[in-house]
Amino acid sequence: MVNRFTIPIEAADSITLQNLEDHYKMTKDSLDKWYESKGWMHREDVDHCVILMDHLKAVIDYFGGSVGET
């Protein structure tokens, strides 16, 4: 018999949402530092982060979360 660890779907969704929101915040912080000239990034990384943030917003919205921006 195989022992499997299972968690309720609501818990899994909550964990996923929290991870996505954390990743969004870290990416936004990095970009904010770059825009304020207090951080350094490759131009390609900046472009990637901007695209990533748009995609993260869509997935966060799907899971019922919010990135706290207007």
PDB file of N, CA and C in Angstrom:
ATOM      1  N   MET A   1       0.841  -1.182   0.000  1.00  0.00           N
ATOM      2  CA  MET A   1       0.000   0.000   0.000  1.00  0.00           C
ATOM      3  C   MET A   1       0.888   1.248   0.000  1.00  0.00           C
ATOM      4  N   VAL A   2       0.553   2.170  -0.856  1.00  0.00           N
ATOM      5  CA  VAL A   2       1.315   3.407  -0.990  1.00  0.00           C
ATOM      6  C   VAL A   2       0.681   4.468  -0.097  1.00  0.00           C
ATOM      7  N   ASN A   3       1.501   5.047   0.760  1.00  0.00           N
ATOM      8  CA  ASN A   3       1.037   6.164   1.583  1.00  0.00           C
ATOM      9  C   ASN A   3       1.210   7.445   0.787  1.00  0.00           C
ATOM     10  N   ARG A   4       0.132   8.189   0.646  1.00  0.00           N
ATOM     11  CA  ARG A   4       0.177   9.434  -0.102  1.00  0.00           C
ATOM     12  C   ARG A   4      -0.228  10.578   0.806  1.00  0.00           C
ATOM     13  N   PHE A   5       0.488  11.640   0.659  1.00  0.00           N
ATOM     14  CA  PHE A   5       0.176  12.859   1.405  1.00  0.00           C
ATOM     15  C   PHE A   5      -0.807  13.670   0.572  1.00  0.00           C
ATOM     16  N   THR A   6      -1.942  14.000   1.118  1.00  0.00           N
ATOM     17  CA  THR A   6      -2.907  14.826   0.407  1.00  0.00           C
ATOM     18  C   THR A   6      -3.323  15.995   1.295  1.00  0.00           C
ATOM     19  N   ILE A   7      -3.599  17.093   0.641  1.00  0.00           N
ATOM     20  CA  ILE A   7      -4.106  18.261   1.352  1.00  0.00           C
ATOM     21  C   ILE A   7      -5.377  18.719   0.632  1.00  0.00           C
ATOM     22  N   PRO A   8      -6.263  19.358   1.344  1.00  0.00           N
ATOM     23  CA  PRO A   8      -7.486  19.854   0.705  1.00  0.00           C
ATOM     24  C   PRO A   8      -7.166  20.857  -0.398  1.00  0.00           C
ATOM     25  N   ILE A   9      -7.985  20.877  -1.432  1.00  0.00           N
ATOM     26  CA  ILE A   9      -7.757  21.765  -2.573  1.00  0.00           C
ATOM     27  C   ILE A   9      -7.736  23.232  -2.149  1.00  0.00           C
ATOM     28  N   GLU A  10      -8.538  23.584  -1.148  1.00  0.00           N
ATOM     29  CA  GLU A  10      -8.545  24.980  -0.675  1.00  0.00           C
ATOM     30  C   GLU A  10      -7.186  25.361  -0.089  1.00  0.00           C
ATOM     31  N   ALA A  11      -6.574  24.437   0.625  1.00  0.00           N
ATOM     32  CA  ALA A  11      -5.249  24.695   1.196  1.00  0.00           C
ATOM     33  C   ALA A  11      -4.206  24.812   0.089  1.00  0.00           C
ATOM     34  N   ALA A  12      -4.292  23.932  -0.895  1.00  0.00           N
ATOM     35  CA  ALA A  12      -3.343  23.978  -2.012  1.00  0.00           C
ATOM     36  C   ALA A  12      -3.472  25.293  -2.780  1.00  0.00           C
ATOM     37  N   ASP A  13      -4.711  25.720  -3.030  1.00  0.00           N
ATOM     38  CA  ASP A  13      -4.929  26.993  -3.726  1.00  0.00           C
ATOM     39  C   ASP A  13      -4.395  28.167  -2.913  1.00  0.00           C
ATOM     40  N   SER A  14      -4.588  28.125  -1.605  1.00  0.00           N
ATOM     41  CA  SER A  14      -4.104  29.196  -0.735  1.00  0.00           C
ATOM     42  C   SER A  14      -2.577  29.266  -0.748  1.00  0.00           C
ATOM     43  N   ILE A  15      -1.937  28.116  -0.688  1.00  0.00           N
ATOM     44  CA  ILE A  15      -0.468  28.064  -0.738  1.00  0.00           C
ATOM     45  C   ILE A  15       0.028  28.585  -2.080  1.00  0.00           C
ATOM     46  N   THR A  16      -0.606  28.144  -3.154  1.00  0.00           N
ATOM     47  CA  THR A  16      -0.222  28.587  -4.495  1.00  0.00           C
ATOM     48  C   THR A  16      -0.373  30.095  -4.631  1.00  0.00           C
ATOM     49  N   LEU A  17      -1.502  30.618  -4.177  1.00  0.00           N
ATOM     50  CA  LEU A  17      -1.751  32.055  -4.270  1.00  0.00           C
ATOM     51  C   LEU A  17      -0.709  32.849  -3.488  1.00  0.00           C
ATOM     52  N   GLN A  18      -0.391  32.400  -2.280  1.00  0.00           N
ATOM     53  CA  GLN A  18       0.607  33.109  -1.474  1.00  0.00           C
ATOM     54  C   GLN A  18       1.974  33.111  -2.154  1.00  0.00           C
ATOM     55  N   ASN A  19       2.357  31.985  -2.736  1.00  0.00           N
ATOM     56  CA  ASN A  19       3.633  31.912  -3.454  1.00  0.00           C
ATOM     57  C   ASN A  19       3.650  32.834  -4.664  1.00  0.00           C
ATOM     58  N   LEU A  20       2.558  32.864  -5.414  1.00  0.00           N
ATOM     59  CA  LEU A  20       2.479  33.743  -6.582  1.00  0.00           C
ATOM     60  C   LEU A  20       2.555  35.210  -6.173  1.00  0.00           C
ATOM     61  N   GLU A  21       1.822  35.583  -5.111  1.00  0.00           N
ATOM     62  CA  GLU A  21       1.856  36.969  -4.642  1.00  0.00           C
ATOM     63  C   GLU A  21       3.245  37.345  -4.135  1.00  0.00           C
ATOM     64  N   ASP A  22       3.911  36.437  -3.436  1.00  0.00           N
ATOM     65  CA  ASP A  22       5.278  36.702  -2.973  1.00  0.00           C
ATOM     66  C   ASP A  22       6.229  36.891  -4.150  1.00  0.00           C
ATOM     67  N   HIS A  23       6.096  36.039  -5.152  1.00  0.00           N
ATOM     68  CA  HIS A  23       6.974  36.144  -6.327  1.00  0.00           C
ATOM     69  C   HIS A  23       6.718  37.461  -7.061  1.00  0.00           C
ATOM     70  N   TYR A  24       5.467  37.856  -7.170  1.00  0.00           N
ATOM     71  CA  TYR A  24       5.131  39.134  -7.797  1.00  0.00           C
ATOM     72  C   TYR A  24       5.783  40.287  -7.036  1.00  0.00           C
ATOM     73  N   LYS A  25       5.655  40.263  -5.712  1.00  0.00           N
ATOM     74  CA  LYS A  25       6.222  41.349  -4.890  1.00  0.00           C
ATOM     75  C   LYS A  25       7.744  41.416  -5.029  1.00  0.00           C
ATOM     76  N   MET A  26       8.412  40.265  -5.041  1.00  0.00           N
ATOM     77  CA  MET A  26       9.876  40.253  -5.194  1.00  0.00           C
ATOM     78  C   MET A  26      10.281  40.800  -6.558  1.00  0.00           C
ATOM     79  N   THR A  27       9.553  40.415  -7.594  1.00  0.00           N
ATOM     80  CA  THR A  27       9.855  40.897  -8.937  1.00  0.00           C
ATOM     81  C   THR A  27       9.615  42.399  -9.023  1.00  0.00           C
ATOM     82  N   LYS A  28       8.513  42.874  -8.452  1.00  0.00           N
ATOM     83  CA  LYS A  28       8.207  44.304  -8.451  1.00  0.00           C
ATOM     84  C   LYS A  28       9.263  45.089  -7.683  1.00  0.00           C
ATOM     85  N   ASP A  29       9.692  44.578  -6.541  1.00  0.00           N
ATOM     86  CA  ASP A  29      10.736  45.253  -5.772  1.00  0.00           C
ATOM     87  C   ASP A  29      12.023  45.384  -6.578  1.00  0.00           C
ATOM     88  N   SER A  30      12.396  44.325  -7.278  1.00  0.00           N
ATOM     89  CA  SER A  30      13.607  44.374  -8.111  1.00  0.00           C
ATOM     90  C   SER A  30      13.473  45.426  -9.203  1.00  0.00           C
ATOM     91  N   LEU A  31      12.315  45.458  -9.865  1.00  0.00           N
ATOM     92  CA  LEU A  31      12.101  46.453 -10.913  1.00  0.00           C
ATOM     93  C   LEU A  31      12.054  47.870 -10.354  1.00  0.00           C
ATOM     94  N   ASP A  32      11.413  48.041  -9.209  1.00  0.00           N
ATOM     95  CA  ASP A  32      11.364  49.373  -8.587  1.00  0.00           C
ATOM     96  C   ASP A  32      12.768  49.883  -8.285  1.00  0.00           C
ATOM     97  N   LYS A  33      13.628  49.013  -7.764  1.00  0.00           N
ATOM     98  CA  LYS A  33      15.019  49.409  -7.489  1.00  0.00           C
ATOM     99  C   LYS A  33      15.726  49.791  -8.776  1.00  0.00           C
ATOM    100  N   TRP A  34      15.484  49.029  -9.835  1.00  0.00           N
ATOM    101  CA  TRP A  34      16.123  49.325 -11.118  1.00  0.00           C
ATOM    102  C   TRP A  34      15.636  50.669 -11.652  1.00  0.00           C
ATOM    103  N   TYR A  35      14.308  50.904 -11.597  1.00  0.00           N
ATOM    104  CA  TYR A  35      13.761  52.168 -12.098  1.00  0.00           C
ATOM    105  C   TYR A  35      14.275  53.366 -11.300  1.00  0.00           C
ATOM    106  N   GLU A  36      14.550  53.175 -10.032  1.00  0.00           N
ATOM    107  CA  GLU A  36      15.066  54.253  -9.185  1.00  0.00           C
ATOM    108  C   GLU A  36      16.592  54.350  -9.254  1.00  0.00           C
ATOM    109  N   SER A  37      17.193  53.566 -10.136  1.00  0.00           N
ATOM    110  CA  SER A  37      18.654  53.518 -10.326  1.00  0.00           C
ATOM    111  C   SER A  37      19.398  53.102  -9.066  1.00  0.00           C
ATOM    112  N   LYS A  38      18.746  52.315  -8.224  1.00  0.00           N
ATOM    113  CA  LYS A  38      19.395  51.808  -7.021  1.00  0.00           C
ATOM    114  C   LYS A  38      19.754  50.333  -7.171  1.00  0.00           C
ATOM    115  N   GLY A  39      19.413  49.770  -8.286  1.00  0.00           N
ATOM    116  CA  GLY A  39      19.719  48.362  -8.534  1.00  0.00           C
ATOM    117  C   GLY A  39      20.211  48.194  -9.958  1.00  0.00           C
ATOM    118  N   TRP A  40      20.788  47.045 -10.232  1.00  0.00           N
ATOM    119  CA  TRP A  40      21.323  46.797 -11.558  1.00  0.00           C
ATOM    120  C   TRP A  40      20.723  45.525 -12.113  1.00  0.00           C
ATOM    121  N   MET A  41      20.314  45.579 -13.382  1.00  0.00           N
ATOM    122  CA  MET A  41      19.797  44.410 -14.084  1.00  0.00           C
ATOM    123  C   MET A  41      20.197  44.511 -15.540  1.00  0.00           C
ATOM    124  N   HIS A  42      20.326  43.350 -16.180  1.00  0.00           N
ATOM    125  CA  HIS A  42      20.478  43.328 -17.637  1.00  0.00           C
ATOM    126  C   HIS A  42      19.184  43.827 -18.254  1.00  0.00           C
ATOM    127  N   ARG A  43      19.278  44.495 -19.381  1.00  0.00           N
ATOM    128  CA  ARG A  43      18.077  45.006 -20.048  1.00  0.00           C
ATOM    129  C   ARG A  43      17.099  43.859 -20.370  1.00  0.00           C
ATOM    130  N   GLU A  44      17.626  42.702 -20.755  1.00  0.00           N
ATOM    131  CA  GLU A  44      16.782  41.547 -21.063  1.00  0.00           C
ATOM    132  C   GLU A  44      16.031  41.072 -19.818  1.00  0.00           C
ATOM    133  N   ASP A  45      16.674  41.176 -18.651  1.00  0.00           N
ATOM    134  CA  ASP A  45      16.024  40.785 -17.395  1.00  0.00           C
ATOM    135  C   ASP A  45      14.887  41.742 -17.051  1.00  0.00           C
ATOM    136  N   VAL A  46      15.086  43.015 -17.349  1.00  0.00           N
ATOM    137  CA  VAL A  46      14.037  43.999 -17.108  1.00  0.00           C
ATOM    138  C   VAL A  46      12.820  43.663 -17.964  1.00  0.00           C
ATOM    139  N   ASP A  47      13.053  43.409 -19.244  1.00  0.00           N
ATOM    140  CA  ASP A  47      11.958  43.044 -20.150  1.00  0.00           C
ATOM    141  C   ASP A  47      11.250  41.783 -19.669  1.00  0.00           C
ATOM    142  N   HIS A  48      12.030  40.792 -19.251  1.00  0.00           N
ATOM    143  CA  HIS A  48      11.463  39.538 -18.750  1.00  0.00           C
ATOM    144  C   HIS A  48      10.605  39.781 -17.513  1.00  0.00           C
ATOM    145  N   CYS A  49      11.083  40.612 -16.598  1.00  0.00           N
ATOM    146  CA  CYS A  49      10.345  40.890 -15.362  1.00  0.00           C
ATOM    147  C   CYS A  49       9.022  41.590 -15.647  1.00  0.00           C
ATOM    148  N   VAL A  50       9.015  42.510 -16.595  1.00  0.00           N
ATOM    149  CA  VAL A  50       7.784  43.224 -16.949  1.00  0.00           C
ATOM    150  C   VAL A  50       6.754  42.236 -17.499  1.00  0.00           C
ATOM    151  N   ILE A  51       7.189  41.355 -18.381  1.00  0.00           N
ATOM    152  CA  ILE A  51       6.290  40.343 -18.944  1.00  0.00           C
ATOM    153  C   ILE A  51       5.838  39.378 -17.852  1.00  0.00           C
ATOM    154  N   LEU A  52       6.772  38.942 -17.012  1.00  0.00           N
ATOM    155  CA  LEU A  52       6.453  38.018 -15.931  1.00  0.00           C
ATOM    156  C   LEU A  52       5.402  38.605 -14.997  1.00  0.00           C
ATOM    157  N   MET A  53       5.533  39.889 -14.658  1.00  0.00           N
ATOM    158  CA  MET A  53       4.563  40.515 -13.767  1.00  0.00           C
ATOM    159  C   MET A  53       3.162  40.519 -14.377  1.00  0.00           C
ATOM    160  N   ASP A  54       3.064  40.764 -15.674  1.00  0.00           N
ATOM    161  CA  ASP A  54       1.755  40.730 -16.332  1.00  0.00           C
ATOM    162  C   ASP A  54       1.139  39.341 -16.245  1.00  0.00           C
ATOM    163  N   HIS A  55       1.948  38.327 -16.478  1.00  0.00           N
ATOM    164  CA  HIS A  55       1.451  36.952 -16.416  1.00  0.00           C
ATOM    165  C   HIS A  55       1.090  36.557 -14.982  1.00  0.00           C
ATOM    166  N   LEU A  56       1.923  36.961 -14.027  1.00  0.00           N
ATOM    167  CA  LEU A  56       1.613  36.662 -12.632  1.00  0.00           C
ATOM    168  C   LEU A  56       0.303  37.318 -12.206  1.00  0.00           C
ATOM    169  N   LYS A  57       0.061  38.566 -12.650  1.00  0.00           N
ATOM    170  CA  LYS A  57      -1.194  39.242 -12.331  1.00  0.00           C
ATOM    171  C   LYS A  57      -2.384  38.413 -12.803  1.00  0.00           C
ATOM    172  N   ALA A  58      -2.292  37.880 -14.024  1.00  0.00           N
ATOM    173  CA  ALA A  58      -3.399  37.096 -14.578  1.00  0.00           C
ATOM    174  C   ALA A  58      -3.653  35.835 -13.753  1.00  0.00           C
ATOM    175  N   VAL A  59      -2.599  35.153 -13.351  1.00  0.00           N
ATOM    176  CA  VAL A  59      -2.766  33.921 -12.579  1.00  0.00           C
ATOM    177  C   VAL A  59      -3.247  34.234 -11.163  1.00  0.00           C
ATOM    178  N   ILE A  60      -2.730  35.299 -10.580  1.00  0.00           N
ATOM    179  CA  ILE A  60      -3.168  35.708  -9.238  1.00  0.00           C
ATOM    180  C   ILE A  60      -4.656  36.052  -9.265  1.00  0.00           C
ATOM    181  N   ASP A  61      -5.088  36.777 -10.295  1.00  0.00           N
ATOM    182  CA  ASP A  61      -6.506  37.087 -10.439  1.00  0.00           C
ATOM    183  C   ASP A  61      -7.336  35.808 -10.547  1.00  0.00           C
ATOM    184  N   TYR A  62      -6.834  34.837 -11.295  1.00  0.00           N
ATOM    185  CA  TYR A  62      -7.541  33.566 -11.462  1.00  0.00           C
ATOM    186  C   TYR A  62      -7.769  32.880 -10.111  1.00  0.00           C
ATOM    187  N   PHE A  63      -6.767  32.942  -9.245  1.00  0.00           N
ATOM    188  CA  PHE A  63      -6.867  32.305  -7.927  1.00  0.00           C
ATOM    189  C   PHE A  63      -7.593  33.178  -6.904  1.00  0.00           C
ATOM    190  N   GLY A  64      -8.097  34.333  -7.342  1.00  0.00           N
ATOM    191  CA  GLY A  64      -8.884  35.191  -6.458  1.00  0.00           C
ATOM    192  C   GLY A  64      -8.079  36.164  -5.629  1.00  0.00           C
ATOM    193  N   GLY A  65      -6.824  36.346  -5.980  1.00  0.00           N
ATOM    194  CA  GLY A  65      -5.969  37.261  -5.238  1.00  0.00           C
ATOM    195  C   GLY A  65      -5.901  38.624  -5.897  1.00  0.00           C
ATOM    196  N   SER A  66      -5.062  39.465  -5.351  1.00  0.00           N
ATOM    197  CA  SER A  66      -4.880  40.810  -5.861  1.00  0.00           C
ATOM    198  C   SER A  66      -3.435  41.228  -5.626  1.00  0.00           C
ATOM    199  N   VAL A  67      -2.895  41.983  -6.559  1.00  0.00           N
ATOM    200  CA  VAL A  67      -1.529  42.475  -6.410  1.00  0.00           C
ATOM    201  C   VAL A  67      -1.498  43.846  -5.748  1.00  0.00           C
ATOM    202  N   GLY A  68      -2.661  44.382  -5.451  1.00  0.00           N
ATOM    203  CA  GLY A  68      -2.728  45.632  -4.708  1.00  0.00           C
ATOM    204  C   GLY A  68      -2.416  46.874  -5.518  1.00  0.00           C
ATOM    205  N   GLU A  69      -2.542  46.788  -6.828  1.00  0.00           N
ATOM    206  CA  GLU A  69      -2.295  47.956  -7.684  1.00  0.00           C
ATOM    207  C   GLU A  69      -3.569  48.323  -8.405  1.00  0.00           C
ATOM    208  N   THR A  70      -3.650  49.576  -8.792  1.00  0.00           N
ATOM    209  CA  THR A  70      -4.808  50.036  -9.568  1.00  0.00           C
ATOM    210  C   THR A  70      -4.459  50.104 -11.013  1.00  0.00           C
TER     211      THR A  70
END
